[in-house]
Amino acid sequence: MASNRFTPTGFPRVPLQNGIGRYICQLKRVTLRFCKSSGSSRGIRDFIETELINFAQEHPGTAVYLKPRRHKSPSFVAEYLNGEREVISCHNFTAQQMVKWLNLYTTRSGVPLMRYVKMWHTECPSIQGVWSPFTNMDPKLNTTQFPSEELNKPTWEEKSATKKLLEMVKNTKINDVNEDDTQRIEATQM
């Protein structure tokens, strides 16, 4: 059984609130190391001949360096703004695989891969737990039979001025108002 004691753990984080105002690519430098004659470097050489200019135009904030080395295995080094550095072996890669891996490392933040402790984190935890839409709901809704006439009505419906006047008349029990007067008031309302 494999243990996770060497896997770093932490919380999700974004470098300097990146993407709130504008997005800044965190990959600052790519160094492509290859051999000019080795067969295992053919894919990286094809990438340099066909796709490198397109990659450089699409990512103007990333510096691309080429470093030919004799009889060495091909690789590329990705360096990020936070100082992190990753070395990826490109042994027998094709040009399309190089495009795929470079696009992956271009979209990363440079934060080392880790197992997340929680999907959310706060510096000031609350004793009441996580809020949900059901936090302050009335418990009688648990046993309500749907469809419910009471719940189908609008919740913020205000009474009209006429209805308020009729209620005031009924509450004060003025005897001078006849039933004909109340019917006339209700008819003018409609």
N, C-alpha and C. Protein backbone atom coordinates (compact mmCIF):
# COMPACT_ATOMS: atom_id res chain seq x y z
N MET A 1 0.85 -1.18 0.00
CA MET A 1 0.00 0.00 0.00
C MET A 1 0.89 1.24 0.00
N ALA A 2 0.65 2.11 -0.96
CA ALA A 2 1.47 3.31 -1.08
C ALA A 2 1.03 4.35 -0.05
N SER A 3 1.99 5.02 0.52
CA SER A 3 1.66 6.06 1.49
C SER A 3 1.83 7.43 0.86
N ASN A 4 1.10 8.40 1.38
CA ASN A 4 1.14 9.77 0.86
C ASN A 4 1.99 10.68 1.74
N ARG A 5 2.93 10.13 2.44
CA ARG A 5 3.67 10.97 3.37
C ARG A 5 4.65 11.89 2.65
N PHE A 6 4.99 11.59 1.38
CA PHE A 6 5.89 12.47 0.65
C PHE A 6 5.16 13.43 -0.28
N THR A 7 3.85 13.31 -0.38
CA THR A 7 3.06 14.21 -1.21
C THR A 7 2.81 15.49 -0.42
N PRO A 8 3.20 16.65 -0.99
CA PRO A 8 2.91 17.89 -0.26
C PRO A 8 1.41 18.16 -0.22
N THR A 9 0.96 18.71 0.88
CA THR A 9 -0.45 19.06 1.03
C THR A 9 -0.56 20.55 1.28
N GLY A 10 -1.70 21.11 0.96
CA GLY A 10 -1.90 22.53 1.18
C GLY A 10 -3.29 22.95 0.76
N PHE A 11 -3.48 24.26 0.62
CA PHE A 11 -4.75 24.83 0.24
C PHE A 11 -4.63 25.44 -1.15
N PRO A 12 -5.73 25.48 -1.93
CA PRO A 12 -5.67 26.13 -3.23
C PRO A 12 -5.34 27.61 -3.06
N ARG A 13 -4.51 28.14 -3.92
CA ARG A 13 -4.18 29.56 -3.84
C ARG A 13 -3.87 30.08 -5.23
N VAL A 14 -4.06 31.38 -5.40
CA VAL A 14 -3.82 32.05 -6.67
C VAL A 14 -2.72 33.07 -6.44
N PRO A 15 -1.70 33.12 -7.30
CA PRO A 15 -0.63 34.09 -7.09
C PRO A 15 -1.10 35.52 -7.32
N LEU A 16 -1.03 36.33 -6.28
CA LEU A 16 -1.32 37.77 -6.35
C LEU A 16 -2.67 38.09 -6.98
N GLN A 17 -3.68 37.32 -6.68
CA GLN A 17 -5.03 37.52 -7.22
C GLN A 17 -4.99 37.65 -8.73
N ASN A 18 -4.26 36.78 -9.38
CA ASN A 18 -4.08 36.83 -10.83
C ASN A 18 -5.40 36.59 -11.53
N GLY A 19 -5.74 37.45 -12.47
CA GLY A 19 -6.97 37.32 -13.24
C GLY A 19 -8.08 38.20 -12.74
N ILE A 20 -7.92 38.89 -11.59
CA ILE A 20 -8.98 39.77 -11.11
C ILE A 20 -8.98 41.06 -11.92
N GLY A 21 -7.84 41.69 -12.09
CA GLY A 21 -7.78 42.86 -12.95
C GLY A 21 -7.46 42.46 -14.37
N ARG A 22 -6.37 41.76 -14.54
CA ARG A 22 -5.98 41.19 -15.83
C ARG A 22 -5.14 39.96 -15.55
N TYR A 23 -5.04 39.10 -16.55
CA TYR A 23 -4.31 37.85 -16.37
C TYR A 23 -2.85 38.06 -16.76
N ILE A 24 -1.94 37.57 -15.95
CA ILE A 24 -0.51 37.62 -16.24
C ILE A 24 -0.02 36.18 -16.28
N CYS A 25 0.55 35.78 -17.43
CA CYS A 25 1.07 34.43 -17.56
C CYS A 25 2.22 34.25 -16.58
N GLN A 26 2.19 33.20 -15.79
CA GLN A 26 3.19 32.99 -14.75
C GLN A 26 4.47 32.34 -15.27
N LEU A 27 4.44 31.79 -16.50
CA LEU A 27 5.64 31.19 -17.09
C LEU A 27 6.49 32.30 -17.68
N LYS A 28 7.70 32.49 -17.13
CA LYS A 28 8.53 33.59 -17.62
C LYS A 28 9.61 33.15 -18.58
N ARG A 29 10.04 31.88 -18.53
CA ARG A 29 11.14 31.44 -19.37
C ARG A 29 11.01 29.96 -19.68
N VAL A 30 11.28 29.61 -20.95
CA VAL A 30 11.33 28.21 -21.38
C VAL A 30 12.66 28.00 -22.06
N THR A 31 13.40 27.00 -21.62
CA THR A 31 14.69 26.65 -22.24
C THR A 31 14.55 25.28 -22.87
N LEU A 32 14.68 25.22 -24.21
CA LEU A 32 14.59 23.96 -24.93
C LEU A 32 16.00 23.43 -25.14
N ARG A 33 16.29 22.27 -24.55
CA ARG A 33 17.62 21.66 -24.67
C ARG A 33 17.49 20.43 -25.57
N PHE A 34 18.36 20.35 -26.60
CA PHE A 34 18.25 19.27 -27.58
C PHE A 34 19.60 19.00 -28.22
N CYS A 35 19.69 17.86 -28.91
CA CYS A 35 20.88 17.49 -29.67
C CYS A 35 20.58 17.68 -31.15
N LYS A 36 21.52 18.21 -31.90
CA LYS A 36 21.30 18.48 -33.32
C LYS A 36 21.31 17.22 -34.17
N SER A 37 21.85 16.12 -33.66
CA SER A 37 21.97 14.91 -34.49
C SER A 37 21.28 13.68 -33.90
N SER A 38 20.91 13.69 -32.65
CA SER A 38 20.34 12.52 -31.99
C SER A 38 18.92 12.26 -32.49
N GLY A 39 18.58 10.97 -32.62
CA GLY A 39 17.23 10.59 -33.05
C GLY A 39 16.18 10.88 -32.00
N SER A 40 16.54 10.86 -30.73
CA SER A 40 15.55 11.13 -29.67
C SER A 40 15.16 12.60 -29.62
N SER A 41 15.92 13.48 -30.29
CA SER A 41 15.62 14.91 -30.31
C SER A 41 14.87 15.33 -31.57
N ARG A 42 14.47 14.35 -32.40
CA ARG A 42 13.83 14.71 -33.67
C ARG A 42 12.54 15.50 -33.45
N GLY A 43 11.71 15.10 -32.49
CA GLY A 43 10.45 15.80 -32.24
C GLY A 43 10.66 17.24 -31.82
N ILE A 44 11.64 17.48 -30.95
CA ILE A 44 11.89 18.85 -30.50
C ILE A 44 12.48 19.69 -31.63
N ARG A 45 13.28 19.07 -32.52
CA ARG A 45 13.79 19.81 -33.68
C ARG A 45 12.66 20.16 -34.65
N ASP A 46 11.72 19.22 -34.86
CA ASP A 46 10.56 19.51 -35.70
C ASP A 46 9.71 20.62 -35.09
N PHE A 47 9.57 20.59 -33.78
CA PHE A 47 8.82 21.66 -33.11
C PHE A 47 9.49 23.01 -33.35
N ILE A 48 10.80 23.07 -33.26
CA ILE A 48 11.53 24.32 -33.45
C ILE A 48 11.34 24.82 -34.88
N GLU A 49 11.36 23.93 -35.84
CA GLU A 49 11.23 24.32 -37.24
C GLU A 49 9.82 24.76 -37.60
N THR A 50 8.80 24.13 -37.03
CA THR A 50 7.42 24.38 -37.48
C THR A 50 6.58 25.19 -36.50
N GLU A 51 6.68 24.96 -35.21
CA GLU A 51 5.72 25.52 -34.25
C GLU A 51 6.30 26.58 -33.32
N LEU A 52 7.59 26.74 -33.26
CA LEU A 52 8.18 27.63 -32.27
C LEU A 52 7.78 29.08 -32.48
N ILE A 53 7.75 29.54 -33.72
CA ILE A 53 7.39 30.95 -34.00
C ILE A 53 5.94 31.20 -33.59
N ASN A 54 5.04 30.25 -33.88
CA ASN A 54 3.64 30.42 -33.46
C ASN A 54 3.53 30.47 -31.93
N PHE A 55 4.27 29.60 -31.24
CA PHE A 55 4.25 29.60 -29.78
C PHE A 55 4.75 30.93 -29.23
N ALA A 56 5.83 31.44 -29.79
CA ALA A 56 6.40 32.71 -29.31
C ALA A 56 5.45 33.87 -29.57
N GLN A 57 4.72 33.85 -30.69
CA GLN A 57 3.77 34.93 -30.97
C GLN A 57 2.54 34.86 -30.07
N GLU A 58 2.11 33.66 -29.74
CA GLU A 58 0.94 33.51 -28.86
C GLU A 58 1.27 33.85 -27.41
N HIS A 59 2.53 33.72 -27.01
CA HIS A 59 2.93 33.97 -25.62
C HIS A 59 4.08 34.98 -25.60
N PRO A 60 3.78 36.27 -25.84
CA PRO A 60 4.86 37.26 -25.91
C PRO A 60 5.54 37.52 -24.56
N GLY A 61 4.91 37.18 -23.45
CA GLY A 61 5.51 37.41 -22.14
C GLY A 61 6.45 36.31 -21.70
N THR A 62 6.60 35.28 -22.50
CA THR A 62 7.46 34.15 -22.16
C THR A 62 8.69 34.16 -23.04
N ALA A 63 9.87 34.16 -22.42
CA ALA A 63 11.12 34.12 -23.18
C ALA A 63 11.44 32.67 -23.51
N VAL A 64 11.84 32.43 -24.78
CA VAL A 64 12.17 31.08 -25.23
C VAL A 64 13.64 31.04 -25.60
N TYR A 65 14.38 30.12 -24.98
CA TYR A 65 15.81 29.95 -25.25
C TYR A 65 16.03 28.58 -25.85
N LEU A 66 16.93 28.50 -26.84
CA LEU A 66 17.32 27.22 -27.44
C LEU A 66 18.74 26.91 -27.00
N LYS A 67 18.97 25.68 -26.55
CA LYS A 67 20.27 25.30 -26.04
C LYS A 67 20.67 23.96 -26.65
N PRO A 68 21.40 23.97 -27.78
CA PRO A 68 21.84 22.69 -28.35
C PRO A 68 22.95 22.08 -27.51
N ARG A 69 22.86 20.76 -27.28
CA ARG A 69 23.87 20.03 -26.50
C ARG A 69 24.17 18.73 -27.22
N ARG A 70 25.41 18.38 -27.33
CA ARG A 70 25.78 17.16 -28.04
C ARG A 70 25.53 15.91 -27.20
N HIS A 71 24.90 14.93 -27.84
CA HIS A 71 24.72 13.59 -27.28
C HIS A 71 24.05 13.61 -25.89
N LYS A 72 23.11 14.52 -25.73
CA LYS A 72 22.34 14.58 -24.48
C LYS A 72 20.87 14.35 -24.80
N SER A 73 20.14 13.85 -23.84
CA SER A 73 18.70 13.63 -24.01
C SER A 73 17.98 14.97 -24.04
N PRO A 74 16.96 15.14 -24.90
CA PRO A 74 16.25 16.42 -24.99
C PRO A 74 15.36 16.66 -23.77
N SER A 75 15.21 17.91 -23.43
CA SER A 75 14.34 18.29 -22.30
C SER A 75 13.99 19.76 -22.45
N PHE A 76 13.04 20.19 -21.67
CA PHE A 76 12.80 21.63 -21.57
C PHE A 76 12.62 22.01 -20.11
N VAL A 77 13.05 23.23 -19.82
CA VAL A 77 13.00 23.74 -18.46
C VAL A 77 11.98 24.88 -18.43
N ALA A 78 11.00 24.80 -17.55
CA ALA A 78 9.99 25.85 -17.38
C ALA A 78 10.30 26.59 -16.08
N GLU A 79 10.48 27.90 -16.18
CA GLU A 79 10.76 28.73 -15.00
C GLU A 79 9.61 29.72 -14.82
N TYR A 80 9.14 29.83 -13.58
CA TYR A 80 7.96 30.64 -13.27
C TYR A 80 8.33 31.90 -12.50
N LEU A 81 7.37 32.83 -12.43
CA LEU A 81 7.59 34.10 -11.73
C LEU A 81 7.82 33.92 -10.23
N ASN A 82 7.29 32.85 -9.64
CA ASN A 82 7.47 32.65 -8.20
C ASN A 82 8.79 31.95 -7.88
N GLY A 83 9.65 31.71 -8.90
CA GLY A 83 10.95 31.10 -8.66
C GLY A 83 10.98 29.60 -8.83
N GLU A 84 9.83 28.98 -9.02
CA GLU A 84 9.78 27.53 -9.22
C GLU A 84 10.34 27.17 -10.59
N ARG A 85 10.89 25.98 -10.67
CA ARG A 85 11.54 25.53 -11.89
C ARG A 85 11.21 24.07 -12.09
N GLU A 86 10.80 23.69 -13.30
CA GLU A 86 10.47 22.30 -13.59
C GLU A 86 11.21 21.86 -14.83
N VAL A 87 11.79 20.68 -14.78
CA VAL A 87 12.52 20.09 -15.90
C VAL A 87 11.71 18.90 -16.40
N ILE A 88 11.43 18.90 -17.72
CA ILE A 88 10.61 17.86 -18.32
C ILE A 88 11.43 17.16 -19.40
N SER A 89 11.55 15.84 -19.33
CA SER A 89 12.28 15.07 -20.34
C SER A 89 11.42 14.95 -21.59
N CYS A 90 12.01 15.24 -22.76
CA CYS A 90 11.31 15.19 -24.04
C CYS A 90 11.84 14.05 -24.91
N HIS A 91 12.30 13.00 -24.32
CA HIS A 91 12.90 11.87 -25.05
C HIS A 91 11.87 11.25 -25.99
N ASN A 92 12.16 11.25 -27.29
CA ASN A 92 11.30 10.70 -28.34
C ASN A 92 9.92 11.36 -28.41
N PHE A 93 9.78 12.63 -28.02
CA PHE A 93 8.53 13.36 -28.18
C PHE A 93 8.34 13.71 -29.65
N THR A 94 7.07 13.85 -30.07
CA THR A 94 6.76 14.39 -31.40
C THR A 94 6.56 15.90 -31.25
N ALA A 95 6.45 16.59 -32.38
CA ALA A 95 6.23 18.04 -32.34
C ALA A 95 4.89 18.36 -31.69
N GLN A 96 3.86 17.54 -31.95
CA GLN A 96 2.54 17.77 -31.35
C GLN A 96 2.56 17.55 -29.84
N GLN A 97 3.34 16.58 -29.39
CA GLN A 97 3.46 16.39 -27.94
C GLN A 97 4.17 17.58 -27.30
N MET A 98 5.14 18.14 -27.99
CA MET A 98 5.82 19.33 -27.46
C MET A 98 4.83 20.49 -27.32
N VAL A 99 3.97 20.68 -28.33
CA VAL A 99 2.96 21.75 -28.26
C VAL A 99 2.04 21.51 -27.08
N LYS A 100 1.61 20.28 -26.90
CA LYS A 100 0.69 19.94 -25.80
C LYS A 100 1.32 20.22 -24.44
N TRP A 101 2.57 19.76 -24.24
CA TRP A 101 3.22 19.95 -22.95
C TRP A 101 3.57 21.41 -22.69
N LEU A 102 3.98 22.13 -23.71
CA LEU A 102 4.28 23.55 -23.51
C LEU A 102 3.02 24.33 -23.18
N ASN A 103 1.90 24.00 -23.82
CA ASN A 103 0.64 24.68 -23.48
C ASN A 103 0.21 24.36 -22.06
N LEU A 104 0.44 23.12 -21.62
CA LEU A 104 0.11 22.77 -20.23
C LEU A 104 0.92 23.61 -19.25
N TYR A 105 2.23 23.68 -19.47
CA TYR A 105 3.07 24.42 -18.52
C TYR A 105 2.89 25.93 -18.66
N THR A 106 2.39 26.40 -19.78
CA THR A 106 2.10 27.82 -19.93
C THR A 106 0.89 28.22 -19.10
N THR A 107 -0.09 27.34 -18.99
CA THR A 107 -1.31 27.66 -18.24
C THR A 107 -1.19 27.40 -16.75
N ARG A 108 -0.12 26.78 -16.28
CA ARG A 108 0.05 26.53 -14.85
C ARG A 108 0.51 27.78 -14.13
N SER A 109 0.36 27.79 -12.82
CA SER A 109 0.75 28.94 -12.02
C SER A 109 2.16 28.82 -11.46
N GLY A 110 2.75 27.66 -11.53
CA GLY A 110 4.08 27.46 -10.97
C GLY A 110 4.05 26.95 -9.55
N VAL A 111 2.89 26.91 -8.93
CA VAL A 111 2.76 26.34 -7.59
C VAL A 111 2.94 24.83 -7.72
N PRO A 112 3.78 24.21 -6.89
CA PRO A 112 4.00 22.76 -7.01
C PRO A 112 2.70 21.99 -6.86
N LEU A 113 2.60 20.88 -7.58
CA LEU A 113 1.41 20.03 -7.48
C LEU A 113 1.31 19.48 -6.06
N MET A 114 0.10 19.54 -5.51
CA MET A 114 -0.08 19.08 -4.13
C MET A 114 -1.47 18.49 -3.96
N ARG A 115 -1.61 17.75 -2.89
CA ARG A 115 -2.91 17.20 -2.51
C ARG A 115 -3.60 18.26 -1.66
N TYR A 116 -4.81 18.65 -2.06
CA TYR A 116 -5.52 19.69 -1.33
C TYR A 116 -6.11 19.14 -0.04
N VAL A 117 -5.93 19.88 1.05
CA VAL A 117 -6.49 19.49 2.34
C VAL A 117 -8.00 19.68 2.31
N LYS A 118 -8.44 20.84 1.82
CA LYS A 118 -9.86 21.14 1.67
C LYS A 118 -10.03 21.91 0.37
N MET A 119 -11.24 21.94 -0.14
CA MET A 119 -11.49 22.70 -1.35
C MET A 119 -11.68 24.18 -1.05
N TRP A 120 -11.83 24.55 0.22
CA TRP A 120 -11.94 25.95 0.60
C TRP A 120 -11.12 26.17 1.85
N HIS A 121 -10.74 27.40 2.09
CA HIS A 121 -9.92 27.72 3.25
C HIS A 121 -10.21 29.15 3.68
N THR A 122 -10.24 29.39 4.98
CA THR A 122 -10.42 30.75 5.48
C THR A 122 -9.47 30.97 6.66
N GLU A 123 -9.01 32.19 6.79
CA GLU A 123 -8.13 32.52 7.91
C GLU A 123 -8.92 32.71 9.20
N CYS A 124 -10.20 33.04 9.11
CA CYS A 124 -11.05 33.25 10.29
C CYS A 124 -12.22 32.27 10.24
N PRO A 125 -12.04 31.04 10.71
CA PRO A 125 -13.12 30.06 10.61
C PRO A 125 -14.31 30.44 11.48
N SER A 126 -15.49 30.02 11.05
CA SER A 126 -16.73 30.33 11.77
C SER A 126 -17.21 29.08 12.50
N ILE A 127 -17.81 29.28 13.68
CA ILE A 127 -18.31 28.13 14.43
C ILE A 127 -19.64 27.66 13.88
N GLN A 128 -20.31 28.46 13.05
CA GLN A 128 -21.63 28.05 12.57
C GLN A 128 -21.57 27.23 11.29
N GLY A 129 -20.43 27.01 10.73
CA GLY A 129 -20.31 26.15 9.56
C GLY A 129 -20.50 26.90 8.27
N VAL A 130 -20.58 26.15 7.20
CA VAL A 130 -20.69 26.72 5.86
C VAL A 130 -22.13 27.11 5.60
N TRP A 131 -22.34 28.29 5.00
CA TRP A 131 -23.68 28.75 4.67
C TRP A 131 -24.19 27.98 3.47
N SER A 132 -25.47 27.66 3.48
CA SER A 132 -26.13 27.07 2.31
C SER A 132 -27.49 27.75 2.17
N PRO A 133 -28.16 27.61 1.05
CA PRO A 133 -29.48 28.24 0.90
C PRO A 133 -30.51 27.72 1.88
N PHE A 134 -30.26 26.57 2.49
CA PHE A 134 -31.22 25.97 3.42
C PHE A 134 -30.90 26.28 4.88
N THR A 135 -29.91 27.15 5.13
CA THR A 135 -29.47 27.41 6.50
C THR A 135 -30.59 27.97 7.36
N ASN A 136 -31.29 29.01 6.92
CA ASN A 136 -32.30 29.68 7.74
C ASN A 136 -33.72 29.39 7.26
N MET A 137 -33.93 28.27 6.63
CA MET A 137 -35.27 27.94 6.15
C MET A 137 -36.14 27.42 7.30
N ASP A 138 -37.44 27.59 7.13
CA ASP A 138 -38.40 27.13 8.13
C ASP A 138 -38.45 25.60 8.11
N PRO A 139 -38.33 24.94 9.27
CA PRO A 139 -38.33 23.47 9.28
C PRO A 139 -39.64 22.84 8.83
N LYS A 140 -40.73 23.60 8.84
CA LYS A 140 -42.02 23.00 8.42
C LYS A 140 -42.01 22.69 6.92
N LEU A 141 -41.05 23.25 6.17
CA LEU A 141 -40.97 22.95 4.74
C LEU A 141 -40.55 21.50 4.50
N ASN A 142 -39.97 20.86 5.51
CA ASN A 142 -39.56 19.46 5.36
C ASN A 142 -40.76 18.53 5.18
N THR A 143 -41.90 18.90 5.76
CA THR A 143 -43.08 18.04 5.70
C THR A 143 -44.18 18.61 4.82
N THR A 144 -43.93 19.67 4.09
CA THR A 144 -44.94 20.30 3.24
C THR A 144 -45.23 19.43 2.02
N GLN A 145 -46.50 19.32 1.68
CA GLN A 145 -46.90 18.60 0.47
C GLN A 145 -46.91 19.59 -0.70
N PHE A 146 -46.23 19.24 -1.76
CA PHE A 146 -46.16 20.10 -2.92
C PHE A 146 -47.06 19.56 -4.02
N PRO A 147 -47.69 20.38 -4.81
CA PRO A 147 -47.66 21.85 -4.85
C PRO A 147 -48.47 22.44 -3.71
N SER A 148 -47.99 23.54 -3.18
CA SER A 148 -48.60 24.19 -2.03
C SER A 148 -49.16 25.55 -2.45
N GLU A 149 -50.42 25.80 -2.11
CA GLU A 149 -51.03 27.09 -2.45
C GLU A 149 -50.35 28.24 -1.71
N GLU A 150 -49.95 28.00 -0.47
CA GLU A 150 -49.31 29.05 0.33
C GLU A 150 -47.96 29.46 -0.26
N LEU A 151 -47.21 28.48 -0.74
CA LEU A 151 -45.88 28.79 -1.27
C LEU A 151 -45.92 29.29 -2.72
N ASN A 152 -47.07 29.14 -3.40
CA ASN A 152 -47.17 29.63 -4.77
C ASN A 152 -47.42 31.13 -4.84
N LYS A 153 -47.78 31.73 -3.72
CA LYS A 153 -48.05 33.17 -3.71
C LYS A 153 -46.73 33.95 -3.66
N PRO A 154 -46.72 35.16 -4.19
CA PRO A 154 -45.50 35.98 -4.08
C PRO A 154 -45.21 36.32 -2.62
N THR A 155 -43.96 36.33 -2.24
CA THR A 155 -43.61 36.57 -0.84
C THR A 155 -43.57 38.04 -0.48
N TRP A 156 -43.35 38.91 -1.44
CA TRP A 156 -43.21 40.34 -1.13
C TRP A 156 -44.37 41.16 -1.69
N GLU A 157 -45.54 40.58 -1.74
CA GLU A 157 -46.69 41.28 -2.29
C GLU A 157 -47.17 42.34 -1.28
N GLU A 158 -47.25 43.57 -1.74
CA GLU A 158 -47.72 44.67 -0.87
C GLU A 158 -49.21 44.89 -1.09
N LYS A 159 -49.88 45.32 -0.04
CA LYS A 159 -51.30 45.61 -0.14
C LYS A 159 -51.49 46.94 -0.83
N SER A 160 -52.58 47.02 -1.59
CA SER A 160 -52.89 48.29 -2.26
C SER A 160 -53.47 49.26 -1.23
N ALA A 161 -53.51 50.51 -1.60
CA ALA A 161 -54.02 51.54 -0.70
C ALA A 161 -55.50 51.30 -0.38
N THR A 162 -56.24 50.79 -1.37
CA THR A 162 -57.66 50.53 -1.15
C THR A 162 -57.86 49.42 -0.12
N LYS A 163 -57.05 48.35 -0.25
CA LYS A 163 -57.17 47.25 0.72
C LYS A 163 -56.79 47.71 2.12
N LYS A 164 -55.79 48.58 2.20
CA LYS A 164 -55.39 49.10 3.51
C LYS A 164 -56.52 49.93 4.12
N LEU A 165 -57.18 50.76 3.30
CA LEU A 165 -58.30 51.56 3.81
C LEU A 165 -59.46 50.68 4.26
N LEU A 166 -59.77 49.65 3.48
CA LEU A 166 -60.86 48.75 3.88
C LEU A 166 -60.55 48.05 5.20
N GLU A 167 -59.30 47.65 5.37
CA GLU A 167 -58.92 47.01 6.64
C GLU A 167 -59.02 47.99 7.78
N MET A 168 -58.60 49.25 7.55
CA MET A 168 -58.72 50.25 8.62
C MET A 168 -60.17 50.49 9.00
N VAL A 169 -61.06 50.50 8.01
CA VAL A 169 -62.48 50.70 8.28
C VAL A 169 -63.04 49.53 9.09
N LYS A 170 -62.67 48.33 8.70
CA LYS A 170 -63.17 47.16 9.42
C LYS A 170 -62.61 47.10 10.84
N ASN A 171 -61.35 47.50 11.00
CA ASN A 171 -60.73 47.46 12.33
C ASN A 171 -61.31 48.50 13.26
N THR A 172 -61.64 49.67 12.76
CA THR A 172 -62.20 50.72 13.62
C THR A 172 -63.68 50.53 13.84
N LYS A 173 -64.32 49.68 13.04
CA LYS A 173 -65.74 49.35 13.17
C LYS A 173 -66.62 50.59 13.15
N ILE A 174 -66.42 51.36 12.13
CA ILE A 174 -67.25 52.56 11.96
C ILE A 174 -68.62 52.10 11.46
N ASN A 175 -69.65 52.51 12.15
CA ASN A 175 -71.01 52.09 11.81
C ASN A 175 -71.59 52.90 10.67
N ASP A 176 -70.99 54.04 10.37
CA ASP A 176 -71.55 54.91 9.33
C ASP A 176 -71.33 54.33 7.93
N VAL A 177 -70.38 53.44 7.79
CA VAL A 177 -70.08 52.88 6.47
C VAL A 177 -71.01 51.70 6.22
N ASN A 178 -71.73 51.78 5.17
CA ASN A 178 -72.65 50.72 4.80
C ASN A 178 -71.93 49.67 3.97
N GLU A 179 -72.62 48.56 3.77
CA GLU A 179 -72.05 47.54 2.90
C GLU A 179 -72.02 48.03 1.46
N ASP A 180 -72.96 48.89 1.09
CA ASP A 180 -72.97 49.41 -0.28
C ASP A 180 -71.73 50.25 -0.54
N ASP A 181 -71.30 51.00 0.48
CA ASP A 181 -70.10 51.83 0.31
C ASP A 181 -68.85 50.97 0.11
N THR A 182 -68.75 49.89 0.88
CA THR A 182 -67.57 49.03 0.72
C THR A 182 -67.58 48.33 -0.63
N GLN A 183 -68.78 47.96 -1.11
CA GLN A 183 -68.85 47.33 -2.44
C GLN A 183 -68.50 48.33 -3.53
N ARG A 184 -68.89 49.59 -3.35
CA ARG A 184 -68.57 50.63 -4.32
C ARG A 184 -67.07 50.89 -4.36
N ILE A 185 -66.42 50.87 -3.20
CA ILE A 185 -64.97 51.07 -3.14
C ILE A 185 -64.24 49.89 -3.82
N GLU A 186 -64.71 48.67 -3.57
CA GLU A 186 -64.10 47.51 -4.19
C GLU A 186 -64.32 47.52 -5.70
N ALA A 187 -65.46 48.00 -6.17
CA ALA A 187 -65.72 48.06 -7.62
C ALA A 187 -64.82 49.08 -8.30
N THR A 188 -64.54 50.21 -7.64
CA THR A 188 -63.65 51.21 -8.24
C THR A 188 -62.20 50.72 -8.27
N GLN A 189 -61.89 49.81 -7.37
CA GLN A 189 -60.52 49.28 -7.34
C GLN A 189 -60.25 48.45 -8.58
N MET A 190 -61.24 47.71 -9.04
CA MET A 190 -61.04 46.85 -10.20
C MET A 190 -61.18 47.65 -11.43
